[in-house]
């Protein structure tokens, strides 16, 4: 895959940032170990900046939900504040959990928006010369699709997985941090901005972090 993209790059003005073969192998192994085997991958056909494939991990008896994980965001080093550089937060991948009956083969926006937002969020640091980390929120400006009123993304450490899922150590000692995307309402994002992410998280039910419930109650409605 890496060689194919390097060849294609010669014909274009811009080339995507890519993992080395050793790095992508480590990332894939980490995903399999902590999130599950992924028989299907949504391969990106056009990659102007980074190449973002998405691993699709099907439901299991233990984890009855889909998990979608980006593979490629971490090839780009984000612009992290200098005081945080010692924590190795420059490189990241994202995931989102969806219900077991989610239609993963549909291109209709009411089904596709979780995948679209994985790609949007993965590209945001490079496009905006910024970074994404724990507790960060990103607004869409409107509901993600017609079937939900959720319209912002909150990043947290992966919750319904075993310890160690949050960080992949690469062969050279560098690290890839994994963040779970939690869709939230605008009022919830505003509450987080006025207070902090920890206070907002304490308001959620425990099962909130298992998988996305597109019609869940708004914990900040009326505040």
N, C-alpha and C. Protein backbone atom coordinates (compact mmCIF):
# COMPACT_ATOMS: atom_id res chain seq x y z
N UNK A 1 0.83 -1.20 0.00
CA UNK A 1 0.00 0.00 0.00
C UNK A 1 0.87 1.25 0.00
N UNK A 2 1.90 1.28 0.87
CA UNK A 2 2.78 2.44 0.96
C UNK A 2 3.46 2.70 -0.37
N UNK A 3 3.98 1.66 -1.01
CA UNK A 3 4.68 1.83 -2.28
C UNK A 3 3.74 2.35 -3.35
N UNK A 4 2.49 1.85 -3.36
CA UNK A 4 1.52 2.30 -4.37
C UNK A 4 1.26 3.79 -4.25
N UNK A 5 1.10 4.28 -3.02
CA UNK A 5 0.83 5.71 -2.83
C UNK A 5 2.05 6.55 -3.16
N UNK A 6 3.23 6.06 -2.88
CA UNK A 6 4.44 6.81 -3.23
C UNK A 6 4.56 6.97 -4.74
N UNK A 7 4.15 5.93 -5.47
CA UNK A 7 4.19 6.02 -6.93
C UNK A 7 3.16 7.02 -7.44
N UNK A 8 1.96 6.97 -6.88
CA UNK A 8 0.90 7.89 -7.30
C UNK A 8 1.30 9.33 -7.01
N UNK A 9 2.02 9.56 -5.91
CA UNK A 9 2.42 10.90 -5.51
C UNK A 9 3.20 11.62 -6.59
N UNK A 10 3.94 10.90 -7.39
CA UNK A 10 4.79 11.51 -8.39
C UNK A 10 3.97 12.27 -9.43
N UNK A 11 2.68 11.92 -9.56
CA UNK A 11 1.84 12.55 -10.57
C UNK A 11 0.97 13.68 -10.02
N UNK A 12 1.12 14.00 -8.73
CA UNK A 12 0.28 15.01 -8.11
C UNK A 12 1.13 16.07 -7.43
N UNK A 13 0.54 17.26 -7.28
CA UNK A 13 1.24 18.35 -6.62
C UNK A 13 1.38 18.09 -5.13
N UNK A 14 0.34 17.47 -4.53
CA UNK A 14 0.35 17.21 -3.10
C UNK A 14 0.38 15.71 -2.85
N UNK A 15 1.10 15.31 -1.84
CA UNK A 15 1.18 13.91 -1.48
C UNK A 15 0.72 13.73 -0.03
N UNK A 16 -0.03 12.67 0.23
CA UNK A 16 -0.49 12.45 1.61
C UNK A 16 0.64 12.04 2.53
N UNK A 17 0.53 12.46 3.80
CA UNK A 17 1.45 11.97 4.81
C UNK A 17 1.06 10.53 5.14
N UNK A 18 2.05 9.65 5.20
CA UNK A 18 1.77 8.23 5.39
C UNK A 18 2.59 7.65 6.52
N UNK A 19 2.05 6.62 7.17
CA UNK A 19 2.84 5.82 8.09
C UNK A 19 3.91 5.05 7.30
N UNK A 20 4.98 4.70 7.98
CA UNK A 20 5.91 3.74 7.40
C UNK A 20 5.26 2.36 7.49
N UNK A 21 5.81 1.39 6.79
CA UNK A 21 5.26 0.04 6.84
C UNK A 21 5.31 -0.51 8.26
N UNK A 22 6.39 -0.20 8.99
CA UNK A 22 6.52 -0.68 10.37
C UNK A 22 5.49 -0.02 11.28
N UNK A 23 5.22 1.27 11.05
CA UNK A 23 4.25 1.99 11.88
C UNK A 23 2.84 1.49 11.66
N UNK A 24 2.43 1.33 10.40
CA UNK A 24 1.07 0.88 10.14
C UNK A 24 0.85 -0.54 10.64
N UNK A 25 1.90 -1.35 10.59
CA UNK A 25 1.79 -2.71 11.11
C UNK A 25 1.54 -2.68 12.62
N UNK A 26 2.23 -1.77 13.32
CA UNK A 26 2.05 -1.64 14.77
C UNK A 26 0.66 -1.12 15.10
N UNK A 27 0.17 -0.17 14.32
CA UNK A 27 -1.17 0.39 14.55
C UNK A 27 -2.24 -0.68 14.32
N UNK A 28 -2.11 -1.44 13.24
CA UNK A 28 -3.08 -2.49 12.95
C UNK A 28 -3.07 -3.56 14.04
N UNK A 29 -1.90 -3.91 14.53
CA UNK A 29 -1.80 -4.90 15.60
C UNK A 29 -2.46 -4.38 16.88
N UNK A 30 -2.26 -3.10 17.17
CA UNK A 30 -2.86 -2.49 18.36
C UNK A 30 -4.39 -2.51 18.25
N UNK A 31 -4.91 -2.15 17.09
CA UNK A 31 -6.36 -2.15 16.90
C UNK A 31 -6.93 -3.54 17.09
N UNK A 32 -6.28 -4.54 16.52
CA UNK A 32 -6.76 -5.92 16.65
C UNK A 32 -6.74 -6.37 18.10
N UNK A 33 -5.68 -6.02 18.83
CA UNK A 33 -5.54 -6.48 20.21
C UNK A 33 -6.55 -5.82 21.15
N UNK A 34 -6.76 -4.52 20.98
CA UNK A 34 -7.57 -3.80 21.96
C UNK A 34 -9.01 -3.53 21.54
N UNK A 35 -9.26 -3.42 20.24
CA UNK A 35 -10.61 -3.09 19.78
C UNK A 35 -11.30 -4.25 19.08
N UNK A 36 -10.52 -5.15 18.49
CA UNK A 36 -11.09 -6.32 17.84
C UNK A 36 -10.59 -6.50 16.42
N UNK A 37 -10.78 -7.70 15.91
CA UNK A 37 -10.38 -8.00 14.53
C UNK A 37 -11.26 -7.22 13.55
N UNK A 38 -10.66 -6.79 12.46
CA UNK A 38 -11.43 -6.02 11.49
C UNK A 38 -11.35 -6.68 10.10
N UNK A 39 -12.34 -7.52 9.78
CA UNK A 39 -12.37 -8.18 8.47
C UNK A 39 -12.63 -7.20 7.33
N UNK A 40 -13.20 -6.05 7.66
CA UNK A 40 -13.50 -5.05 6.63
C UNK A 40 -12.79 -3.73 6.91
N UNK A 41 -12.30 -3.11 5.85
CA UNK A 41 -11.67 -1.80 5.94
C UNK A 41 -12.27 -0.91 4.85
N UNK A 42 -12.72 0.29 5.23
CA UNK A 42 -13.18 1.26 4.25
C UNK A 42 -11.95 2.02 3.76
N UNK A 43 -11.51 1.67 2.55
CA UNK A 43 -10.30 2.28 2.00
C UNK A 43 -10.61 3.61 1.35
N UNK A 44 -9.79 4.59 1.63
CA UNK A 44 -9.95 5.92 1.04
C UNK A 44 -9.35 5.93 -0.36
N UNK A 45 -10.10 6.45 -1.31
CA UNK A 45 -9.65 6.45 -2.70
C UNK A 45 -8.86 7.70 -3.07
N UNK A 46 -9.22 8.84 -2.49
CA UNK A 46 -8.53 10.10 -2.76
C UNK A 46 -7.99 10.65 -1.45
N UNK A 47 -6.69 10.91 -1.40
CA UNK A 47 -6.05 11.35 -0.15
C UNK A 47 -5.14 12.53 -0.42
N UNK A 48 -5.65 13.76 -0.33
CA UNK A 48 -4.84 14.94 -0.64
C UNK A 48 -3.82 15.31 0.43
N UNK A 49 -4.05 14.89 1.69
CA UNK A 49 -3.18 15.34 2.78
C UNK A 49 -2.70 14.18 3.64
N UNK A 50 -3.64 13.43 4.23
CA UNK A 50 -3.32 12.19 4.92
C UNK A 50 -4.21 11.10 4.30
N UNK A 51 -3.78 9.86 4.45
CA UNK A 51 -4.57 8.75 3.92
C UNK A 51 -5.32 8.10 5.08
N UNK A 52 -6.65 8.26 5.09
CA UNK A 52 -7.46 7.81 6.22
C UNK A 52 -8.34 6.62 5.84
N UNK A 53 -7.84 5.42 6.11
CA UNK A 53 -8.68 4.23 6.01
C UNK A 53 -9.42 4.08 7.34
N UNK A 54 -10.51 3.33 7.32
CA UNK A 54 -11.29 3.11 8.54
C UNK A 54 -11.51 1.61 8.74
N UNK A 55 -11.00 1.09 9.86
CA UNK A 55 -11.21 -0.31 10.22
C UNK A 55 -12.61 -0.47 10.78
N UNK A 56 -13.35 -1.46 10.28
CA UNK A 56 -14.72 -1.72 10.74
C UNK A 56 -14.73 -3.01 11.56
N UNK A 57 -14.90 -2.88 12.86
CA UNK A 57 -14.88 -4.02 13.77
C UNK A 57 -16.32 -4.40 14.09
N UNK A 58 -16.77 -5.58 13.69
CA UNK A 58 -18.17 -5.97 13.86
C UNK A 58 -18.52 -6.29 15.31
N UNK A 59 -19.81 -6.30 15.62
CA UNK A 59 -20.26 -6.64 16.98
C UNK A 59 -19.86 -8.06 17.36
N UNK A 60 -19.67 -8.26 18.65
CA UNK A 60 -19.38 -9.59 19.20
C UNK A 60 -20.28 -9.79 20.41
N UNK A 61 -20.38 -11.03 20.92
CA UNK A 61 -21.20 -11.25 22.13
C UNK A 61 -20.72 -10.41 23.31
N UNK A 62 -19.41 -10.16 23.40
CA UNK A 62 -18.86 -9.37 24.50
C UNK A 62 -19.06 -7.87 24.28
N UNK A 63 -18.94 -7.43 23.04
CA UNK A 63 -19.10 -6.01 22.70
C UNK A 63 -20.10 -5.92 21.56
N UNK A 64 -21.37 -5.76 21.93
CA UNK A 64 -22.44 -5.81 20.95
C UNK A 64 -22.64 -4.45 20.26
N UNK A 65 -21.61 -4.00 19.57
CA UNK A 65 -21.66 -2.75 18.82
C UNK A 65 -20.54 -2.75 17.79
N UNK A 66 -20.70 -1.91 16.78
CA UNK A 66 -19.64 -1.70 15.80
C UNK A 66 -18.62 -0.72 16.37
N UNK A 67 -17.36 -0.94 16.04
CA UNK A 67 -16.32 0.05 16.34
C UNK A 67 -15.64 0.40 15.03
N UNK A 68 -15.58 1.69 14.74
CA UNK A 68 -14.89 2.19 13.56
C UNK A 68 -13.66 2.96 14.02
N UNK A 69 -12.50 2.61 13.48
CA UNK A 69 -11.24 3.22 13.92
C UNK A 69 -10.47 3.74 12.71
N UNK A 70 -10.00 4.98 12.81
CA UNK A 70 -9.19 5.53 11.72
C UNK A 70 -7.81 4.89 11.71
N UNK A 71 -7.24 4.79 10.52
CA UNK A 71 -5.87 4.32 10.35
C UNK A 71 -5.19 5.26 9.35
N UNK A 72 -4.45 6.22 9.88
CA UNK A 72 -3.78 7.17 9.00
C UNK A 72 -3.64 8.57 9.56
N UNK A 73 -4.53 8.95 10.46
CA UNK A 73 -4.45 10.28 11.08
C UNK A 73 -3.11 10.49 11.75
N UNK A 74 -2.60 9.45 12.40
CA UNK A 74 -1.36 9.57 13.17
C UNK A 74 -0.10 9.73 12.35
N UNK A 75 -0.21 9.66 11.04
CA UNK A 75 0.97 9.93 10.20
C UNK A 75 1.34 11.41 10.26
N UNK A 76 0.36 12.24 10.62
CA UNK A 76 0.59 13.69 10.75
C UNK A 76 0.87 14.03 12.22
N UNK A 77 1.85 14.85 12.45
CA UNK A 77 2.17 15.32 13.80
C UNK A 77 1.43 16.63 14.05
N UNK A 78 0.59 16.62 15.06
CA UNK A 78 -0.22 17.80 15.37
C UNK A 78 0.61 18.86 16.09
N UNK A 79 0.15 20.09 16.02
CA UNK A 79 0.81 21.21 16.68
C UNK A 79 0.34 21.29 18.13
N UNK A 80 1.05 20.59 19.01
CA UNK A 80 0.70 20.51 20.42
C UNK A 80 1.43 21.61 21.19
N UNK A 81 0.79 22.23 22.18
CA UNK A 81 1.48 23.24 22.99
C UNK A 81 2.77 22.70 23.58
N UNK A 82 3.80 23.55 23.64
CA UNK A 82 5.12 23.11 24.09
C UNK A 82 5.10 22.48 25.48
N UNK A 83 4.24 22.99 26.36
CA UNK A 83 4.21 22.46 27.72
C UNK A 83 3.66 21.04 27.78
N UNK A 84 3.06 20.55 26.66
CA UNK A 84 2.50 19.20 26.64
C UNK A 84 3.33 18.22 25.81
N UNK A 85 4.41 18.71 25.22
CA UNK A 85 5.19 17.88 24.32
C UNK A 85 5.73 16.61 25.00
N UNK A 86 6.03 16.67 26.28
CA UNK A 86 6.59 15.52 26.99
C UNK A 86 5.61 14.36 27.11
N UNK A 87 4.31 14.60 26.85
CA UNK A 87 3.30 13.56 26.98
C UNK A 87 3.05 12.78 25.68
N UNK A 88 3.77 13.10 24.62
CA UNK A 88 3.64 12.41 23.33
C UNK A 88 2.19 12.41 22.82
N UNK A 89 1.66 13.61 22.64
CA UNK A 89 0.29 13.76 22.18
C UNK A 89 0.19 14.21 20.72
N UNK A 90 1.32 14.27 20.04
CA UNK A 90 1.34 14.83 18.68
C UNK A 90 0.64 13.95 17.64
N UNK A 91 0.52 12.67 17.93
CA UNK A 91 -0.02 11.75 16.92
C UNK A 91 -1.23 11.02 17.51
N UNK A 92 -2.29 10.91 16.73
CA UNK A 92 -3.53 10.33 17.27
C UNK A 92 -4.32 9.59 16.20
N UNK A 93 -5.19 8.70 16.65
CA UNK A 93 -6.21 8.06 15.83
C UNK A 93 -7.53 8.18 16.58
N UNK A 94 -8.63 8.04 15.85
CA UNK A 94 -9.96 8.24 16.42
C UNK A 94 -10.84 7.00 16.22
N UNK A 95 -11.81 6.84 17.11
CA UNK A 95 -12.76 5.74 16.97
C UNK A 95 -14.14 6.20 17.41
N UNK A 96 -15.14 5.49 16.93
CA UNK A 96 -16.51 5.74 17.35
C UNK A 96 -17.23 4.40 17.37
N UNK A 97 -18.09 4.21 18.38
CA UNK A 97 -18.88 2.99 18.51
C UNK A 97 -20.33 3.26 18.13
N UNK A 98 -20.87 2.38 17.28
CA UNK A 98 -22.25 2.54 16.81
C UNK A 98 -23.05 1.28 17.11
N UNK A 99 -24.39 1.39 17.19
CA UNK A 99 -25.23 0.23 17.53
C UNK A 99 -25.01 -0.96 16.59
N UNK A 100 -25.29 -2.15 17.09
CA UNK A 100 -25.06 -3.38 16.33
C UNK A 100 -25.92 -3.44 15.07
N UNK A 101 -27.05 -2.73 15.04
CA UNK A 101 -27.91 -2.76 13.86
C UNK A 101 -27.66 -1.58 12.92
N UNK A 102 -26.55 -0.88 13.11
CA UNK A 102 -26.24 0.27 12.24
C UNK A 102 -25.98 -0.20 10.82
N UNK A 103 -26.51 0.50 9.85
CA UNK A 103 -26.35 0.13 8.44
C UNK A 103 -25.01 0.67 7.93
N UNK A 104 -23.99 -0.18 7.98
CA UNK A 104 -22.64 0.29 7.64
C UNK A 104 -22.38 0.31 6.13
N UNK A 105 -23.30 -0.23 5.34
CA UNK A 105 -23.09 -0.29 3.89
C UNK A 105 -23.87 0.79 3.15
N UNK A 106 -24.52 1.67 3.90
CA UNK A 106 -25.33 2.71 3.28
C UNK A 106 -24.53 3.99 3.08
N UNK A 107 -24.77 4.67 1.97
CA UNK A 107 -24.17 5.97 1.71
C UNK A 107 -25.11 7.12 2.06
N UNK A 108 -26.30 6.77 2.55
CA UNK A 108 -27.24 7.80 3.00
C UNK A 108 -26.63 8.50 4.20
N UNK A 109 -26.76 9.82 4.25
CA UNK A 109 -26.11 10.59 5.31
C UNK A 109 -26.57 10.19 6.70
N UNK A 110 -27.79 9.72 6.86
CA UNK A 110 -28.27 9.31 8.17
C UNK A 110 -27.53 8.07 8.68
N UNK A 111 -26.88 7.35 7.77
CA UNK A 111 -26.08 6.18 8.14
C UNK A 111 -24.58 6.45 8.06
N UNK A 112 -24.20 7.35 7.15
CA UNK A 112 -22.78 7.55 6.85
C UNK A 112 -22.10 8.58 7.75
N UNK A 113 -22.88 9.42 8.45
CA UNK A 113 -22.27 10.54 9.16
C UNK A 113 -21.20 10.14 10.17
N UNK A 114 -21.28 9.01 10.88
CA UNK A 114 -20.17 8.67 11.79
C UNK A 114 -18.84 8.49 11.06
N UNK A 115 -18.88 7.87 9.88
CA UNK A 115 -17.66 7.69 9.10
C UNK A 115 -17.17 9.03 8.55
N UNK A 116 -18.11 9.84 8.09
CA UNK A 116 -17.73 11.16 7.57
C UNK A 116 -17.02 11.97 8.65
N UNK A 117 -17.54 11.90 9.88
CA UNK A 117 -16.96 12.71 10.94
C UNK A 117 -15.64 12.15 11.46
N UNK A 118 -15.43 10.87 11.30
CA UNK A 118 -14.08 10.34 11.58
C UNK A 118 -13.07 11.00 10.65
N UNK A 119 -13.43 11.13 9.39
CA UNK A 119 -12.53 11.72 8.41
C UNK A 119 -12.38 13.24 8.62
N UNK A 120 -13.48 13.90 8.92
CA UNK A 120 -13.43 15.34 9.18
C UNK A 120 -12.51 15.64 10.36
N UNK A 121 -12.71 14.91 11.45
CA UNK A 121 -11.91 15.13 12.65
C UNK A 121 -10.44 14.74 12.42
N UNK A 122 -10.22 13.69 11.66
CA UNK A 122 -8.85 13.25 11.40
C UNK A 122 -8.06 14.30 10.62
N UNK A 123 -8.75 15.03 9.77
CA UNK A 123 -8.07 16.02 8.92
C UNK A 123 -8.00 17.41 9.56
N UNK A 124 -8.82 17.65 10.55
CA UNK A 124 -8.90 18.99 11.14
C UNK A 124 -7.55 19.52 11.65
N UNK A 125 -6.74 18.73 12.38
CA UNK A 125 -5.46 19.28 12.87
C UNK A 125 -4.54 19.76 11.76
N UNK A 126 -4.47 19.02 10.66
CA UNK A 126 -3.62 19.43 9.56
C UNK A 126 -4.15 20.65 8.84
N UNK A 127 -5.46 20.70 8.64
CA UNK A 127 -6.08 21.81 7.94
C UNK A 127 -6.03 23.10 8.74
N UNK A 128 -6.16 22.99 10.07
CA UNK A 128 -6.22 24.17 10.93
C UNK A 128 -4.90 24.45 11.65
N UNK A 129 -3.89 23.61 11.42
CA UNK A 129 -2.60 23.74 12.12
C UNK A 129 -2.81 23.81 13.63
N UNK A 130 -3.56 22.84 14.13
CA UNK A 130 -3.90 22.80 15.55
C UNK A 130 -3.75 21.37 16.04
N UNK A 131 -4.43 21.03 17.14
CA UNK A 131 -4.36 19.67 17.63
C UNK A 131 -5.67 19.28 18.28
N UNK A 132 -5.88 17.99 18.42
CA UNK A 132 -7.04 17.45 19.12
C UNK A 132 -6.55 16.58 20.26
N UNK A 133 -7.24 16.66 21.40
CA UNK A 133 -6.84 15.87 22.55
C UNK A 133 -8.02 15.61 23.46
N UNK A 134 -7.76 14.98 24.58
CA UNK A 134 -8.81 14.62 25.52
C UNK A 134 -9.61 15.84 25.95
N UNK A 135 -10.94 15.71 25.92
CA UNK A 135 -11.82 16.78 26.37
C UNK A 135 -12.12 17.84 25.32
N UNK A 136 -11.46 17.78 24.18
CA UNK A 136 -11.72 18.77 23.14
C UNK A 136 -13.09 18.53 22.51
N UNK A 137 -13.74 19.61 22.11
CA UNK A 137 -15.03 19.53 21.43
C UNK A 137 -14.96 20.25 20.10
N UNK A 138 -15.68 19.72 19.12
CA UNK A 138 -15.74 20.32 17.78
C UNK A 138 -17.21 20.38 17.36
N UNK A 139 -17.73 21.58 17.08
CA UNK A 139 -19.14 21.70 16.68
C UNK A 139 -19.31 21.50 15.18
N UNK A 140 -20.45 20.94 14.80
CA UNK A 140 -20.78 20.81 13.39
C UNK A 140 -21.56 22.03 12.90
N UNK A 141 -22.22 22.72 13.83
CA UNK A 141 -23.02 23.89 13.46
C UNK A 141 -24.46 23.54 13.16
N UNK A 142 -24.75 22.26 13.04
CA UNK A 142 -26.09 21.75 12.79
C UNK A 142 -26.09 20.27 13.11
N UNK A 143 -27.25 19.65 13.28
CA UNK A 143 -27.27 18.22 13.56
C UNK A 143 -26.52 17.42 12.49
N UNK A 144 -25.90 16.33 12.93
CA UNK A 144 -25.10 15.52 12.02
C UNK A 144 -25.91 14.96 10.86
N UNK A 145 -27.18 14.65 11.11
CA UNK A 145 -28.05 14.10 10.07
C UNK A 145 -29.50 14.28 10.49
N UNK A 146 -30.40 13.90 9.61
CA UNK A 146 -31.83 14.09 9.87
C UNK A 146 -32.37 13.21 10.99
N UNK A 147 -31.64 12.16 11.33
CA UNK A 147 -32.14 11.20 12.32
C UNK A 147 -31.63 11.47 13.73
N UNK A 148 -30.98 12.61 13.96
CA UNK A 148 -30.47 12.93 15.29
C UNK A 148 -30.36 14.44 15.48
N UNK A 149 -30.37 14.88 16.73
CA UNK A 149 -30.15 16.28 17.06
C UNK A 149 -28.76 16.51 17.64
N UNK A 150 -27.97 15.46 17.73
CA UNK A 150 -26.58 15.59 18.15
C UNK A 150 -25.82 16.39 17.11
N UNK A 151 -24.94 17.30 17.55
CA UNK A 151 -24.27 18.16 16.57
C UNK A 151 -22.87 18.62 16.97
N UNK A 152 -22.27 17.98 17.94
CA UNK A 152 -20.90 18.30 18.34
C UNK A 152 -20.17 17.01 18.67
N UNK A 153 -18.84 17.04 18.59
CA UNK A 153 -18.04 15.87 18.96
C UNK A 153 -17.18 16.18 20.17
N UNK A 154 -17.17 15.26 21.11
CA UNK A 154 -16.33 15.33 22.30
C UNK A 154 -15.34 14.17 22.26
N UNK A 155 -14.09 14.43 22.57
CA UNK A 155 -13.07 13.38 22.58
C UNK A 155 -12.75 12.95 24.00
N UNK A 156 -12.76 11.64 24.22
CA UNK A 156 -12.39 11.06 25.52
C UNK A 156 -11.49 9.85 25.26
N UNK A 157 -10.90 9.31 26.31
CA UNK A 157 -10.14 8.08 26.17
C UNK A 157 -11.11 6.93 25.91
N UNK A 158 -10.68 5.90 25.16
CA UNK A 158 -11.58 4.77 24.89
C UNK A 158 -12.09 4.16 26.18
N UNK A 159 -13.42 4.06 26.32
CA UNK A 159 -14.00 3.64 27.59
C UNK A 159 -14.30 2.14 27.67
N UNK A 160 -15.06 1.56 26.72
CA UNK A 160 -15.47 0.16 26.93
C UNK A 160 -14.44 -0.85 26.45
N UNK A 161 -13.17 -0.56 26.68
CA UNK A 161 -12.09 -1.44 26.23
C UNK A 161 -11.08 -1.61 27.37
N UNK A 162 -10.25 -2.62 27.26
CA UNK A 162 -9.31 -2.91 28.33
C UNK A 162 -8.20 -1.86 28.40
N UNK A 163 -7.56 -1.79 29.57
CA UNK A 163 -6.49 -0.83 29.78
C UNK A 163 -5.39 -1.02 28.74
N UNK A 164 -4.86 0.10 28.27
CA UNK A 164 -3.83 0.06 27.25
C UNK A 164 -4.34 0.44 25.88
N UNK A 165 -5.67 0.47 25.72
CA UNK A 165 -6.25 0.79 24.42
C UNK A 165 -5.95 2.21 23.99
N UNK A 166 -5.69 3.08 24.97
CA UNK A 166 -5.55 4.51 24.67
C UNK A 166 -4.22 4.88 24.03
N UNK A 167 -3.24 3.99 24.04
CA UNK A 167 -1.93 4.38 23.48
C UNK A 167 -1.25 3.20 22.81
N UNK A 168 -0.75 3.44 21.60
CA UNK A 168 0.02 2.47 20.83
C UNK A 168 1.46 2.96 20.76
N UNK A 169 2.39 2.14 21.22
CA UNK A 169 3.80 2.49 21.15
C UNK A 169 4.39 1.92 19.86
N UNK A 170 4.96 2.79 19.06
CA UNK A 170 5.54 2.40 17.78
C UNK A 170 6.93 1.81 17.97
N UNK A 171 7.45 1.13 16.96
CA UNK A 171 8.76 0.48 17.08
C UNK A 171 9.89 1.42 17.50
N UNK A 172 9.80 2.71 17.11
CA UNK A 172 10.86 3.65 17.45
C UNK A 172 10.63 4.35 18.79
N UNK A 173 9.58 3.93 19.54
CA UNK A 173 9.30 4.53 20.83
C UNK A 173 8.31 5.67 20.79
N UNK A 174 7.95 6.14 19.60
CA UNK A 174 6.94 7.18 19.47
C UNK A 174 5.57 6.59 19.84
N UNK A 175 4.58 7.45 20.02
CA UNK A 175 3.28 6.98 20.48
C UNK A 175 2.14 7.51 19.62
N UNK A 176 1.11 6.69 19.48
CA UNK A 176 -0.14 7.08 18.86
C UNK A 176 -1.22 7.01 19.94
N UNK A 177 -1.90 8.12 20.20
CA UNK A 177 -2.96 8.16 21.21
C UNK A 177 -4.31 7.94 20.52
N UNK A 178 -5.13 7.08 21.09
CA UNK A 178 -6.46 6.80 20.55
C UNK A 178 -7.51 7.52 21.38
N UNK A 179 -8.42 8.23 20.68
CA UNK A 179 -9.51 8.94 21.33
C UNK A 179 -10.85 8.44 20.80
N UNK A 180 -11.80 8.29 21.71
CA UNK A 180 -13.16 7.91 21.33
C UNK A 180 -13.98 9.16 21.10
N UNK A 181 -14.68 9.21 19.98
CA UNK A 181 -15.56 10.34 19.67
C UNK A 181 -16.93 10.09 20.28
N UNK A 182 -17.39 11.04 21.07
CA UNK A 182 -18.71 10.99 21.69
C UNK A 182 -19.56 12.13 21.13
N UNK A 183 -20.57 11.84 20.32
CA UNK A 183 -21.44 12.91 19.82
C UNK A 183 -22.27 13.50 20.97
N UNK A 184 -22.34 14.82 21.02
CA UNK A 184 -23.08 15.49 22.09
C UNK A 184 -23.95 16.60 21.50
N UNK A 185 -24.85 17.12 22.35
CA UNK A 185 -25.72 18.22 21.94
C UNK A 185 -25.01 19.56 22.12
N UNK A 186 -25.50 20.58 21.43
CA UNK A 186 -24.89 21.91 21.52
C UNK A 186 -24.90 22.41 22.96
N UNK A 187 -26.00 22.19 23.68
CA UNK A 187 -26.10 22.65 25.07
C UNK A 187 -25.05 21.97 25.95
N UNK A 188 -24.77 20.71 25.66
CA UNK A 188 -23.76 19.97 26.42
C UNK A 188 -22.38 20.51 26.13
N UNK A 189 -22.11 20.86 24.88
CA UNK A 189 -20.83 21.46 24.55
C UNK A 189 -20.66 22.80 25.24
N UNK A 190 -21.72 23.61 25.24
CA UNK A 190 -21.64 24.91 25.90
C UNK A 190 -21.39 24.77 27.39
N UNK A 191 -22.03 23.76 28.00
CA UNK A 191 -21.80 23.50 29.42
C UNK A 191 -20.34 23.14 29.65
N UNK A 192 -19.79 22.31 28.80
CA UNK A 192 -18.38 21.92 28.92
C UNK A 192 -17.46 23.13 28.77
N UNK A 193 -17.77 24.03 27.85
CA UNK A 193 -16.95 25.23 27.64
C UNK A 193 -17.02 26.17 28.83
N UNK A 194 -18.18 26.24 29.47
CA UNK A 194 -18.35 27.11 30.63
C UNK A 194 -17.78 26.49 31.90
N UNK A 195 -17.65 25.17 31.93
CA UNK A 195 -17.16 24.47 33.11
C UNK A 195 -15.90 23.68 32.74
N UNK A 196 -16.01 22.38 32.57
CA UNK A 196 -14.92 21.58 32.03
C UNK A 196 -15.46 20.23 31.59
N UNK A 197 -14.66 19.49 30.85
CA UNK A 197 -15.10 18.20 30.31
C UNK A 197 -15.41 17.21 31.42
N UNK A 198 -14.60 17.21 32.48
CA UNK A 198 -14.79 16.26 33.57
C UNK A 198 -16.17 16.42 34.21
N UNK A 199 -16.59 17.66 34.39
CA UNK A 199 -17.88 17.92 35.01
C UNK A 199 -19.02 17.46 34.11
N UNK A 200 -18.86 17.66 32.80
CA UNK A 200 -19.88 17.18 31.86
C UNK A 200 -19.96 15.66 31.87
N UNK A 201 -18.82 15.00 31.86
CA UNK A 201 -18.79 13.54 31.81
C UNK A 201 -19.48 12.92 33.02
N UNK A 202 -19.40 13.58 34.16
CA UNK A 202 -20.03 13.06 35.37
C UNK A 202 -21.56 13.09 35.28
N UNK A 203 -22.08 13.86 34.36
CA UNK A 203 -23.54 13.96 34.20
C UNK A 203 -24.10 12.84 33.32
N UNK A 204 -23.24 12.16 32.59
CA UNK A 204 -23.70 11.12 31.68
C UNK A 204 -23.93 9.80 32.41
N UNK A 205 -24.88 9.01 31.91
CA UNK A 205 -25.07 7.66 32.40
C UNK A 205 -23.88 6.80 31.99
N UNK A 206 -23.62 5.73 32.73
CA UNK A 206 -22.46 4.88 32.44
C UNK A 206 -22.52 4.28 31.04
N UNK A 207 -23.73 3.90 30.59
CA UNK A 207 -23.83 3.26 29.27
C UNK A 207 -23.69 4.25 28.12
N UNK A 208 -23.58 5.52 28.44
CA UNK A 208 -23.41 6.56 27.44
C UNK A 208 -22.17 6.31 26.58
N UNK A 209 -21.14 5.71 27.18
CA UNK A 209 -19.85 5.57 26.52
C UNK A 209 -19.71 4.25 25.76
N UNK A 210 -20.72 3.38 25.89
CA UNK A 210 -20.63 2.09 25.21
C UNK A 210 -20.74 2.26 23.69
N UNK A 211 -21.84 2.87 23.26
CA UNK A 211 -21.99 3.17 21.83
C UNK A 211 -22.96 4.35 21.70
N UNK A 212 -22.98 4.96 20.51
CA UNK A 212 -23.78 6.16 20.26
C UNK A 212 -25.26 5.82 20.25
N UNK A 213 -26.03 6.58 21.01
CA UNK A 213 -27.49 6.49 21.01
C UNK A 213 -28.01 7.80 20.44
N UNK A 214 -28.46 7.74 19.20
CA UNK A 214 -28.72 8.96 18.44
C UNK A 214 -29.88 9.77 18.99
N UNK A 215 -30.73 9.17 19.83
CA UNK A 215 -31.88 9.90 20.37
C UNK A 215 -31.85 9.96 21.89
N UNK A 216 -30.66 9.85 22.48
CA UNK A 216 -30.54 9.88 23.94
C UNK A 216 -30.98 11.25 24.48
N UNK A 217 -31.22 11.29 25.78
CA UNK A 217 -31.65 12.57 26.38
C UNK A 217 -30.48 13.55 26.46
N UNK A 218 -30.82 14.82 26.37
CA UNK A 218 -29.85 15.90 26.47
C UNK A 218 -29.69 16.24 27.95
N UNK A 219 -28.53 15.94 28.52
CA UNK A 219 -28.35 16.13 29.97
C UNK A 219 -28.26 17.60 30.37
N UNK A 220 -28.13 18.49 29.39
CA UNK A 220 -28.04 19.92 29.71
C UNK A 220 -29.25 20.69 29.18
N UNK A 221 -30.27 20.01 28.75
CA UNK A 221 -31.45 20.68 28.24
C UNK A 221 -32.09 21.53 29.34
N UNK A 222 -32.35 22.78 29.04
CA UNK A 222 -32.96 23.69 29.99
C UNK A 222 -31.99 24.38 30.91
N UNK A 223 -30.70 24.09 30.82
CA UNK A 223 -29.74 24.75 31.70
C UNK A 223 -29.37 26.12 31.15
